[in-house]
């Protein structure tokens, strides 16, 4: 999944916790890269109970990781960002390599 703000792709961390931030924006789970986290003010959804931005969205629910409050996601939730350009082609090429398919 690319960065919500700039489209950069996440790389595997060497060890320990990832420097990327996870959040919810317009009912959609998003990732924010360390650079955007430092330089841009990203508008994330907040918990209606405690105001925290530590939310996760899964299976039609939004859960606050701070207070544990759970609510249903809006039915009209839609992806906040489109896939990064060329991502589908890169995934197709990677699958072809792994599955040893001839393009």
PDB file of N, CA and C in Angstrom:
ATOM      1  N   UNK A   1       0.853  -1.166   0.000  1.00  0.00           N
ATOM      2  CA  UNK A   1       0.000   0.000   0.000  1.00  0.00           C
ATOM      3  C   UNK A   1       0.904   1.235   0.000  1.00  0.00           C
ATOM      4  N   UNK A   2       0.658   2.178  -0.897  1.00  0.00           N
ATOM      5  CA  UNK A   2       1.495   3.381  -0.940  1.00  0.00           C
ATOM      6  C   UNK A   2       1.121   4.382   0.149  1.00  0.00           C
ATOM      7  N   UNK A   3       2.004   5.352   0.345  1.00  0.00           N
ATOM      8  CA  UNK A   3       1.744   6.436   1.288  1.00  0.00           C
ATOM      9  C   UNK A   3       0.507   7.202   0.828  1.00  0.00           C
ATOM     10  N   UNK A   4      -0.370   7.490   1.745  1.00  0.00           N
ATOM     11  CA  UNK A   4      -1.610   8.206   1.467  1.00  0.00           C
ATOM     12  C   UNK A   4      -1.332   9.590   0.888  1.00  0.00           C
ATOM     13  N   UNK A   5      -0.263  10.213   1.340  1.00  0.00           N
ATOM     14  CA  UNK A   5       0.010  11.590   0.965  1.00  0.00           C
ATOM     15  C   UNK A   5       0.856  11.721  -0.301  1.00  0.00           C
ATOM     16  N   UNK A   6       1.967  10.976  -0.395  1.00  0.00           N
ATOM     17  CA  UNK A   6       2.893  11.164  -1.518  1.00  0.00           C
ATOM     18  C   UNK A   6       2.963   9.984  -2.480  1.00  0.00           C
ATOM     19  N   UNK A   7       2.425   8.829  -2.113  1.00  0.00           N
ATOM     20  CA  UNK A   7       2.437   7.669  -2.994  1.00  0.00           C
ATOM     21  C   UNK A   7       3.671   6.799  -2.892  1.00  0.00           C
ATOM     22  N   UNK A   8       4.615   7.140  -2.012  1.00  0.00           N
ATOM     23  CA  UNK A   8       5.821   6.315  -1.836  1.00  0.00           C
ATOM     24  C   UNK A   8       5.420   4.937  -1.341  1.00  0.00           C
ATOM     25  N   UNK A   9       6.175   3.931  -1.750  1.00  0.00           N
ATOM     26  CA  UNK A   9       5.858   2.569  -1.315  1.00  0.00           C
ATOM     27  C   UNK A   9       6.660   2.197  -0.085  1.00  0.00           C
ATOM     28  N   UNK A  10       6.029   1.448   0.790  1.00  0.00           N
ATOM     29  CA  UNK A  10       6.666   1.009   2.024  1.00  0.00           C
ATOM     30  C   UNK A  10       7.673  -0.081   1.718  1.00  0.00           C
ATOM     31  N   UNK A  11       8.827  -0.005   2.374  1.00  0.00           N
ATOM     32  CA  UNK A  11       9.830  -1.050   2.258  1.00  0.00           C
ATOM     33  C   UNK A  11       9.896  -1.798   3.577  1.00  0.00           C
ATOM     34  N   UNK A  12      10.428  -2.997   3.551  1.00  0.00           N
ATOM     35  CA  UNK A  12      10.526  -3.782   4.771  1.00  0.00           C
ATOM     36  C   UNK A  12      11.515  -3.137   5.734  1.00  0.00           C
ATOM     37  N   UNK A  13      11.115  -2.956   6.989  1.00  0.00           N
ATOM     38  CA  UNK A  13      12.049  -2.389   7.967  1.00  0.00           C
ATOM     39  C   UNK A  13      13.145  -3.400   8.287  1.00  0.00           C
ATOM     40  N   UNK A  14      14.300  -2.903   8.663  1.00  0.00           N
ATOM     41  CA  UNK A  14      15.421  -3.783   8.996  1.00  0.00           C
ATOM     42  C   UNK A  14      15.084  -4.606  10.227  1.00  0.00           C
ATOM     43  N   UNK A  15      14.752  -3.969  11.308  1.00  0.00           N
ATOM     44  CA  UNK A  15      14.339  -4.632  12.544  1.00  0.00           C
ATOM     45  C   UNK A  15      13.512  -3.673  13.365  1.00  0.00           C
ATOM     46  N   UNK A  16      12.628  -4.209  14.147  1.00  0.00           N
ATOM     47  CA  UNK A  16      11.855  -3.377  15.047  1.00  0.00           C
ATOM     48  C   UNK A  16      10.597  -2.817  14.406  1.00  0.00           C
ATOM     49  N   UNK A  17      10.045  -1.832  15.059  1.00  0.00           N
ATOM     50  CA  UNK A  17       8.790  -1.229  14.621  1.00  0.00           C
ATOM     51  C   UNK A  17       8.985  -0.436  13.333  1.00  0.00           C
ATOM     52  N   UNK A  18       7.959  -0.436  12.521  1.00  0.00           N
ATOM     53  CA  UNK A  18       7.986   0.317  11.271  1.00  0.00           C
ATOM     54  C   UNK A  18       7.866   1.806  11.566  1.00  0.00           C
ATOM     55  N   UNK A  19       8.611   2.651  10.846  1.00  0.00           N
ATOM     56  CA  UNK A  19       8.483   4.094  11.038  1.00  0.00           C
ATOM     57  C   UNK A  19       7.228   4.671  10.367  1.00  0.00           C
ATOM     58  N   UNK A  20       6.518   3.854   9.601  1.00  0.00           N
ATOM     59  CA  UNK A  20       5.301   4.293   8.927  1.00  0.00           C
ATOM     60  C   UNK A  20       4.155   4.365   9.931  1.00  0.00           C
ATOM     61  N   UNK A  21       3.220   5.284   9.702  1.00  0.00           N
ATOM     62  CA  UNK A  21       2.068   5.460  10.575  1.00  0.00           C
ATOM     63  C   UNK A  21       0.824   4.929   9.882  1.00  0.00           C
ATOM     64  N   UNK A  22       0.015   4.228  10.638  1.00  0.00           N
ATOM     65  CA  UNK A  22      -1.246   3.704  10.125  1.00  0.00           C
ATOM     66  C   UNK A  22      -2.369   4.560  10.697  1.00  0.00           C
ATOM     67  N   UNK A  23      -3.375   4.816   9.873  1.00  0.00           N
ATOM     68  CA  UNK A  23      -4.507   5.605  10.340  1.00  0.00           C
ATOM     69  C   UNK A  23      -5.720   5.369   9.463  1.00  0.00           C
ATOM     70  N   UNK A  24      -6.774   6.098   9.723  1.00  0.00           N
ATOM     71  CA  UNK A  24      -8.006   5.983   8.952  1.00  0.00           C
ATOM     72  C   UNK A  24      -8.347   7.372   8.424  1.00  0.00           C
ATOM     73  N   UNK A  25      -8.652   7.431   7.131  1.00  0.00           N
ATOM     74  CA  UNK A  25      -9.052   8.680   6.489  1.00  0.00           C
ATOM     75  C   UNK A  25     -10.245   8.383   5.591  1.00  0.00           C
ATOM     76  N   UNK A  26     -11.350   9.057   5.808  1.00  0.00           N
ATOM     77  CA  UNK A  26     -12.583   8.805   5.050  1.00  0.00           C
ATOM     78  C   UNK A  26     -12.976   7.333   5.060  1.00  0.00           C
ATOM     79  N   UNK A  27     -12.929   6.743   6.264  1.00  0.00           N
ATOM     80  CA  UNK A  27     -13.364   5.347   6.457  1.00  0.00           C
ATOM     81  C   UNK A  27     -12.471   4.323   5.768  1.00  0.00           C
ATOM     82  N   UNK A  28     -11.255   4.710   5.390  1.00  0.00           N
ATOM     83  CA  UNK A  28     -10.335   3.811   4.699  1.00  0.00           C
ATOM     84  C   UNK A  28      -9.008   3.775   5.441  1.00  0.00           C
ATOM     85  N   UNK A  29      -8.469   2.571   5.631  1.00  0.00           N
ATOM     86  CA  UNK A  29      -7.165   2.407   6.270  1.00  0.00           C
ATOM     87  C   UNK A  29      -6.098   2.984   5.351  1.00  0.00           C
ATOM     88  N   UNK A  30      -5.210   3.825   5.884  1.00  0.00           N
ATOM     89  CA  UNK A  30      -4.146   4.426   5.087  1.00  0.00           C
ATOM     90  C   UNK A  30      -2.812   4.291   5.812  1.00  0.00           C
ATOM     91  N   UNK A  31      -1.736   4.399   5.032  1.00  0.00           N
ATOM     92  CA  UNK A  31      -0.386   4.456   5.581  1.00  0.00           C
ATOM     93  C   UNK A  31       0.202   5.821   5.272  1.00  0.00           C
ATOM     94  N   UNK A  32       1.031   6.317   6.177  1.00  0.00           N
ATOM     95  CA  UNK A  32       1.706   7.587   5.976  1.00  0.00           C
ATOM     96  C   UNK A  32       3.191   7.359   6.191  1.00  0.00           C
ATOM     97  N   UNK A  33       4.004   7.736   5.195  1.00  0.00           N
ATOM     98  CA  UNK A  33       5.448   7.516   5.276  1.00  0.00           C
ATOM     99  C   UNK A  33       6.069   8.459   6.305  1.00  0.00           C
ATOM    100  N   UNK A  34       7.271   8.127   6.787  1.00  0.00           N
ATOM    101  CA  UNK A  34       7.921   8.967   7.794  1.00  0.00           C
ATOM    102  C   UNK A  34       8.150  10.400   7.320  1.00  0.00           C
ATOM    103  N   UNK A  35       8.498  10.599   6.036  1.00  0.00           N
ATOM    104  CA  UNK A  35       8.737  11.957   5.528  1.00  0.00           C
ATOM    105  C   UNK A  35       7.466  12.797   5.569  1.00  0.00           C
ATOM    106  N   UNK A  36       6.355  12.245   5.099  1.00  0.00           N
ATOM    107  CA  UNK A  36       5.087  12.986   5.117  1.00  0.00           C
ATOM    108  C   UNK A  36       4.619  13.228   6.542  1.00  0.00           C
ATOM    109  N   UNK A  37       4.900  12.307   7.420  1.00  0.00           N
ATOM    110  CA  UNK A  37       4.505  12.461   8.819  1.00  0.00           C
ATOM    111  C   UNK A  37       5.214  13.659   9.442  1.00  0.00           C
ATOM    112  N   UNK A  38       6.467  13.878   9.028  1.00  0.00           N
ATOM    113  CA  UNK A  38       7.237  15.001   9.568  1.00  0.00           C
ATOM    114  C   UNK A  38       6.887  16.328   8.889  1.00  0.00           C
ATOM    115  N   UNK A  39       6.615  16.291   7.585  1.00  0.00           N
ATOM    116  CA  UNK A  39       6.502  17.545   6.837  1.00  0.00           C
ATOM    117  C   UNK A  39       5.084  17.977   6.471  1.00  0.00           C
ATOM    118  N   UNK A  40       4.111  17.075   6.502  1.00  0.00           N
ATOM    119  CA  UNK A  40       2.751  17.425   6.107  1.00  0.00           C
ATOM    120  C   UNK A  40       1.776  17.197   7.252  1.00  0.00           C
ATOM    121  N   UNK A  41       0.771  18.012   7.295  1.00  0.00           N
ATOM    122  CA  UNK A  41      -0.310  17.806   8.263  1.00  0.00           C
ATOM    123  C   UNK A  41      -1.375  16.975   7.572  1.00  0.00           C
ATOM    124  N   UNK A  42      -1.459  15.702   7.901  1.00  0.00           N
ATOM    125  CA  UNK A  42      -2.418  14.794   7.281  1.00  0.00           C
ATOM    126  C   UNK A  42      -3.671  14.753   8.147  1.00  0.00           C
ATOM    127  N   UNK A  43      -4.822  14.980   7.524  1.00  0.00           N
ATOM    128  CA  UNK A  43      -6.104  14.985   8.235  1.00  0.00           C
ATOM    129  C   UNK A  43      -6.628  13.554   8.376  1.00  0.00           C
ATOM    130  N   UNK A  44      -6.430  12.949   9.528  1.00  0.00           N
ATOM    131  CA  UNK A  44      -6.928  11.606   9.798  1.00  0.00           C
ATOM    132  C   UNK A  44      -8.242  11.694  10.566  1.00  0.00           C
ATOM    133  N   UNK A  45      -9.073  10.658  10.423  1.00  0.00           N
ATOM    134  CA  UNK A  45     -10.307  10.577  11.200  1.00  0.00           C
ATOM    135  C   UNK A  45      -9.942  10.446  12.679  1.00  0.00           C
ATOM    136  N   UNK A  46     -10.818  10.916  13.536  1.00  0.00           N
ATOM    137  CA  UNK A  46     -10.586  10.817  14.976  1.00  0.00           C
ATOM    138  C   UNK A  46     -11.701  10.009  15.631  1.00  0.00           C
ATOM    139  N   UNK A  47     -11.385   9.473  16.785  1.00  0.00           N
ATOM    140  CA  UNK A  47     -12.357   8.711  17.565  1.00  0.00           C
ATOM    141  C   UNK A  47     -13.400   9.664  18.141  1.00  0.00           C
ATOM    142  N   UNK A  48     -14.673   9.298  18.001  1.00  0.00           N
ATOM    143  CA  UNK A  48     -15.742  10.149  18.531  1.00  0.00           C
ATOM    144  C   UNK A  48     -15.809  10.089  20.060  1.00  0.00           C
ATOM    145  N   UNK A  49     -15.200   9.062  20.660  1.00  0.00           N
ATOM    146  CA  UNK A  49     -15.228   8.936  22.124  1.00  0.00           C
ATOM    147  C   UNK A  49     -14.089   9.684  22.798  1.00  0.00           C
ATOM    148  N   UNK A  50     -12.852   9.495  22.285  1.00  0.00           N
ATOM    149  CA  UNK A  50     -11.701  10.072  22.980  1.00  0.00           C
ATOM    150  C   UNK A  50     -10.900  11.065  22.142  1.00  0.00           C
ATOM    151  N   UNK A  51     -11.185  11.166  20.834  1.00  0.00           N
ATOM    152  CA  UNK A  51     -10.478  12.126  19.987  1.00  0.00           C
ATOM    153  C   UNK A  51      -9.159  11.641  19.430  1.00  0.00           C
ATOM    154  N   UNK A  52      -8.773  10.422  19.713  1.00  0.00           N
ATOM    155  CA  UNK A  52      -7.510   9.866  19.237  1.00  0.00           C
ATOM    156  C   UNK A  52      -7.550   9.620  17.728  1.00  0.00           C
ATOM    157  N   UNK A  53      -6.373   9.683  17.069  1.00  0.00           N
ATOM    158  CA  UNK A  53      -6.277   9.331  15.653  1.00  0.00           C
ATOM    159  C   UNK A  53      -5.756   7.902  15.478  1.00  0.00           C
ATOM    160  N   UNK A  54      -5.587   7.181  16.580  1.00  0.00           N
ATOM    161  CA  UNK A  54      -5.088   5.804  16.534  1.00  0.00           C
ATOM    162  C   UNK A  54      -6.234   4.855  16.191  1.00  0.00           C
ATOM    163  N   UNK A  55      -6.718   4.948  14.952  1.00  0.00           N
ATOM    164  CA  UNK A  55      -7.836   4.130  14.512  1.00  0.00           C
ATOM    165  C   UNK A  55      -7.369   3.084  13.511  1.00  0.00           C
ATOM    166  N   UNK A  56      -8.091   1.959  13.475  1.00  0.00           N
ATOM    167  CA  UNK A  56      -7.893   0.944  12.447  1.00  0.00           C
ATOM    168  C   UNK A  56      -9.256   0.622  11.844  1.00  0.00           C
ATOM    169  N   UNK A  57      -9.248   0.323  10.562  1.00  0.00           N
ATOM    170  CA  UNK A  57     -10.483   0.002   9.861  1.00  0.00           C
ATOM    171  C   UNK A  57     -10.371  -1.421   9.339  1.00  0.00           C
ATOM    172  N   UNK A  58     -11.345  -2.252   9.711  1.00  0.00           N
ATOM    173  CA  UNK A  58     -11.311  -3.643   9.247  1.00  0.00           C
ATOM    174  C   UNK A  58     -12.722  -4.213   9.237  1.00  0.00           C
ATOM    175  N   UNK A  59     -13.022  -4.969   8.221  1.00  0.00           N
ATOM    176  CA  UNK A  59     -14.292  -5.683   8.100  1.00  0.00           C
ATOM    177  C   UNK A  59     -15.501  -4.798   8.390  1.00  0.00           C
ATOM    178  N   UNK A  60     -15.496  -3.593   7.842  1.00  0.00           N
ATOM    179  CA  UNK A  60     -16.638  -2.715   7.990  1.00  0.00           C
ATOM    180  C   UNK A  60     -16.758  -2.036   9.338  1.00  0.00           C
ATOM    181  N   UNK A  61     -15.719  -2.118  10.157  1.00  0.00           N
ATOM    182  CA  UNK A  61     -15.721  -1.465  11.459  1.00  0.00           C
ATOM    183  C   UNK A  61     -14.495  -0.582  11.606  1.00  0.00           C
ATOM    184  N   UNK A  62     -14.635   0.468  12.396  1.00  0.00           N
ATOM    185  CA  UNK A  62     -13.513   1.327  12.754  1.00  0.00           C
ATOM    186  C   UNK A  62     -13.324   1.197  14.251  1.00  0.00           C
ATOM    187  N   UNK A  63     -12.108   0.815  14.661  1.00  0.00           N
ATOM    188  CA  UNK A  63     -11.820   0.615  16.087  1.00  0.00           C
ATOM    189  C   UNK A  63     -10.747   1.585  16.537  1.00  0.00           C
ATOM    190  N   UNK A  64     -10.941   2.146  17.713  1.00  0.00           N
ATOM    191  CA  UNK A  64      -9.951   3.033  18.315  1.00  0.00           C
ATOM    192  C   UNK A  64      -8.975   2.185  19.123  1.00  0.00           C
ATOM    193  N   UNK A  65      -7.699   2.314  18.827  1.00  0.00           N
ATOM    194  CA  UNK A  65      -6.694   1.546  19.564  1.00  0.00           C
ATOM    195  C   UNK A  65      -6.369   2.190  20.907  1.00  0.00           C
ATOM    196  N   UNK A  66      -6.832   3.406  21.127  1.00  0.00           N
ATOM    197  CA  UNK A  66      -6.589   4.069  22.412  1.00  0.00           C
ATOM    198  C   UNK A  66      -7.622   3.676  23.457  1.00  0.00           C
ATOM    199  N   UNK A  67      -8.910   3.790  23.113  1.00  0.00           N
ATOM    200  CA  UNK A  67      -9.956   3.526  24.112  1.00  0.00           C
ATOM    201  C   UNK A  67     -10.759   2.255  23.838  1.00  0.00           C
ATOM    202  N   UNK A  68     -10.573   1.638  22.657  1.00  0.00           N
ATOM    203  CA  UNK A  68     -11.268   0.395  22.355  1.00  0.00           C
ATOM    204  C   UNK A  68     -12.662   0.571  21.765  1.00  0.00           C
ATOM    205  N   UNK A  69     -13.083   1.801  21.571  1.00  0.00           N
ATOM    206  CA  UNK A  69     -14.408   2.066  20.998  1.00  0.00           C
ATOM    207  C   UNK A  69     -14.476   1.503  19.569  1.00  0.00           C
ATOM    208  N   UNK A  70     -15.596   0.865  19.250  1.00  0.00           N
ATOM    209  CA  UNK A  70     -15.799   0.289  17.917  1.00  0.00           C
ATOM    210  C   UNK A  70     -17.095   0.846  17.348  1.00  0.00           C
ATOM    211  N   UNK A  71     -17.041   1.232  16.072  1.00  0.00           N
ATOM    212  CA  UNK A  71     -18.240   1.702  15.388  1.00  0.00           C
ATOM    213  C   UNK A  71     -18.260   1.134  13.984  1.00  0.00           C
ATOM    214  N   UNK A  72     -19.428   1.108  13.383  1.00  0.00           N
ATOM    215  CA  UNK A  72     -19.550   0.656  12.001  1.00  0.00           C
ATOM    216  C   UNK A  72     -19.016   1.726  11.072  1.00  0.00           C
ATOM    217  N   UNK A  73     -18.300   1.278  10.029  1.00  0.00           N
ATOM    218  CA  UNK A  73     -17.834   2.211   9.008  1.00  0.00           C
ATOM    219  C   UNK A  73     -19.025   2.618   8.157  1.00  0.00           C
ATOM    220  N   UNK A  74     -18.979   3.803   7.588  1.00  0.00           N
ATOM    221  CA  UNK A  74     -20.057   4.242   6.698  1.00  0.00           C
ATOM    222  C   UNK A  74     -20.164   3.285   5.528  1.00  0.00           C
ATOM    223  N   UNK A  75     -21.375   3.054   5.075  1.00  0.00           N
ATOM    224  CA  UNK A  75     -21.612   2.158   3.942  1.00  0.00           C
ATOM    225  C   UNK A  75     -21.075   2.735   2.656  1.00  0.00           C
ATOM    226  N   UNK A  76     -20.950   4.053   2.559  1.00  0.00           N
ATOM    227  CA  UNK A  76     -20.461   4.666   1.326  1.00  0.00           C
ATOM    228  C   UNK A  76     -18.951   4.867   1.347  1.00  0.00           C
ATOM    229  N   UNK A  77     -18.250   4.255   2.321  1.00  0.00           N
ATOM    230  CA  UNK A  77     -16.798   4.380   2.381  1.00  0.00           C
ATOM    231  C   UNK A  77     -16.176   3.949   1.073  1.00  0.00           C
ATOM    232  N   UNK A  78     -15.229   4.713   0.603  1.00  0.00           N
ATOM    233  CA  UNK A  78     -14.580   4.423  -0.672  1.00  0.00           C
ATOM    234  C   UNK A  78     -13.092   4.630  -0.501  1.00  0.00           C
ATOM    235  N   UNK A  79     -12.278   4.034  -1.362  1.00  0.00           N
ATOM    236  CA  UNK A  79     -10.842   4.226  -1.216  1.00  0.00           C
ATOM    237  C   UNK A  79     -10.474   5.699  -1.264  1.00  0.00           C
ATOM    238  N   UNK A  80      -9.626   6.131  -0.343  1.00  0.00           N
ATOM    239  CA  UNK A  80      -9.231   7.527  -0.287  1.00  0.00           C
ATOM    240  C   UNK A  80      -8.189   7.868  -1.347  1.00  0.00           C
ATOM    241  N   UNK A  81      -7.450   6.879  -1.797  1.00  0.00           N
ATOM    242  CA  UNK A  81      -6.442   7.113  -2.833  1.00  0.00           C
ATOM    243  C   UNK A  81      -6.528   5.999  -3.854  1.00  0.00           C
ATOM    244  N   UNK A  82      -6.160   6.316  -5.051  1.00  0.00           N
ATOM    245  CA  UNK A  82      -6.098   5.294  -6.090  1.00  0.00           C
ATOM    246  C   UNK A  82      -4.759   4.585  -5.985  1.00  0.00           C
ATOM    247  N   UNK A  83      -4.641   3.438  -6.618  1.00  0.00           N
ATOM    248  CA  UNK A  83      -3.375   2.731  -6.625  1.00  0.00           C
ATOM    249  C   UNK A  83      -2.318   3.582  -7.305  1.00  0.00           C
ATOM    250  N   UNK A  84      -1.089   3.436  -6.856  1.00  0.00           N
ATOM    251  CA  UNK A  84       0.008   4.173  -7.458  1.00  0.00           C
ATOM    252  C   UNK A  84       0.153   3.771  -8.919  1.00  0.00           C
ATOM    253  N   UNK A  85       0.524   4.724  -9.786  1.00  0.00           N
ATOM    254  CA  UNK A  85       0.682   4.403 -11.205  1.00  0.00           C
ATOM    255  C   UNK A  85       1.683   3.271 -11.409  1.00  0.00           C
ATOM    256  N   UNK A  86       1.314   2.315 -12.224  1.00  0.00           N
ATOM    257  CA  UNK A  86       2.199   1.201 -12.543  1.00  0.00           C
ATOM    258  C   UNK A  86       2.188   0.075 -11.531  1.00  0.00           C
ATOM    259  N   UNK A  87       1.479   0.235 -10.440  1.00  0.00           N
ATOM    260  CA  UNK A  87       1.488  -0.782  -9.398  1.00  0.00           C
ATOM    261  C   UNK A  87       0.917  -2.100  -9.904  1.00  0.00           C
ATOM    262  N   UNK A  88      -0.178  -2.057 -10.646  1.00  0.00           N
ATOM    263  CA  UNK A  88      -0.794  -3.285 -11.166  1.00  0.00           C
ATOM    264  C   UNK A  88       0.177  -4.028 -12.077  1.00  0.00           C
ATOM    265  N   UNK A  89       0.911  -3.296 -12.911  1.00  0.00           N
ATOM    266  CA  UNK A  89       1.886  -3.933 -13.801  1.00  0.00           C
ATOM    267  C   UNK A  89       3.022  -4.567 -13.003  1.00  0.00           C
ATOM    268  N   UNK A  90       3.475  -3.873 -11.958  1.00  0.00           N
ATOM    269  CA  UNK A  90       4.554  -4.422 -11.128  1.00  0.00           C
ATOM    270  C   UNK A  90       4.102  -5.682 -10.407  1.00  0.00           C
ATOM    271  N   UNK A  91       2.884  -5.685  -9.911  1.00  0.00           N
ATOM    272  CA  UNK A  91       2.357  -6.862  -9.219  1.00  0.00           C
ATOM    273  C   UNK A  91       2.224  -8.024 -10.199  1.00  0.00           C
ATOM    274  N   UNK A  92       1.707  -7.746 -11.393  1.00  0.00           N
ATOM    275  CA  UNK A  92       1.568  -8.792 -12.402  1.00  0.00           C
ATOM    276  C   UNK A  92       2.923  -9.385 -12.771  1.00  0.00           C
ATOM    277  N   UNK A  93       3.939  -8.553 -12.938  1.00  0.00           N
ATOM    278  CA  UNK A  93       5.287  -9.037 -13.266  1.00  0.00           C
ATOM    279  C   UNK A  93       5.867  -9.861 -12.116  1.00  0.00           C
ATOM    280  N   UNK A  94       5.645  -9.429 -10.875  1.00  0.00           N
ATOM    281  CA  UNK A  94       6.156 -10.171  -9.719  1.00  0.00           C
ATOM    282  C   UNK A  94       5.487 -11.534  -9.616  1.00  0.00           C
ATOM    283  N   UNK A  95       4.172 -11.580  -9.842  1.00  0.00           N
ATOM    284  CA  UNK A  95       3.473 -12.863  -9.815  1.00  0.00           C
ATOM    285  C   UNK A  95       3.962 -13.781 -10.919  1.00  0.00           C
ATOM    286  N   UNK A  96       4.211 -13.234 -12.085  1.00  0.00           N
ATOM    287  CA  UNK A  96       4.727 -14.034 -13.193  1.00  0.00           C
ATOM    288  C   UNK A  96       6.088 -14.626 -12.833  1.00  0.00           C
ATOM    289  N   UNK A  97       6.950 -13.825 -12.187  1.00  0.00           N
ATOM    290  CA  UNK A  97       8.268 -14.337 -11.777  1.00  0.00           C
ATOM    291  C   UNK A  97       8.122 -15.446 -10.746  1.00  0.00           C
ATOM    292  N   UNK A  98       7.291 -15.212  -9.743  1.00  0.00           N
ATOM    293  CA  UNK A  98       7.134 -16.187  -8.663  1.00  0.00           C
ATOM    294  C   UNK A  98       6.491 -17.484  -9.171  1.00  0.00           C
ATOM    295  N   UNK A  99       5.507 -17.335 -10.030  1.00  0.00           N
ATOM    296  CA  UNK A  99       4.795 -18.497 -10.550  1.00  0.00           C
ATOM    297  C   UNK A  99       5.436 -19.070 -11.813  1.00  0.00           C
ATOM    298  N   UNK A 100       6.556 -18.476 -12.202  1.00  0.00           N
ATOM    299  CA  UNK A 100       7.350 -18.907 -13.368  1.00  0.00           C
ATOM    300  C   UNK A 100       6.507 -18.944 -14.654  1.00  0.00           C
ATOM    301  N   UNK A 101       5.727 -17.891 -14.828  1.00  0.00           N
ATOM    302  CA  UNK A 101       4.937 -17.758 -16.034  1.00  0.00           C
ATOM    303  C   UNK A 101       5.731 -16.982 -17.061  1.00  0.00           C
ATOM    304  N   UNK A 102       5.555 -17.315 -18.311  1.00  0.00           N
ATOM    305  CA  UNK A 102       6.203 -16.586 -19.395  1.00  0.00           C
ATOM    306  C   UNK A 102       5.250 -15.471 -19.805  1.00  0.00           C
ATOM    307  N   UNK A 103       5.745 -14.209 -19.813  1.00  0.00           N
ATOM    308  CA  UNK A 103       4.850 -13.093 -20.166  1.00  0.00           C
ATOM    309  C   UNK A 103       4.448 -13.104 -21.620  1.00  0.00           C
TER     310      UNK A 103
END
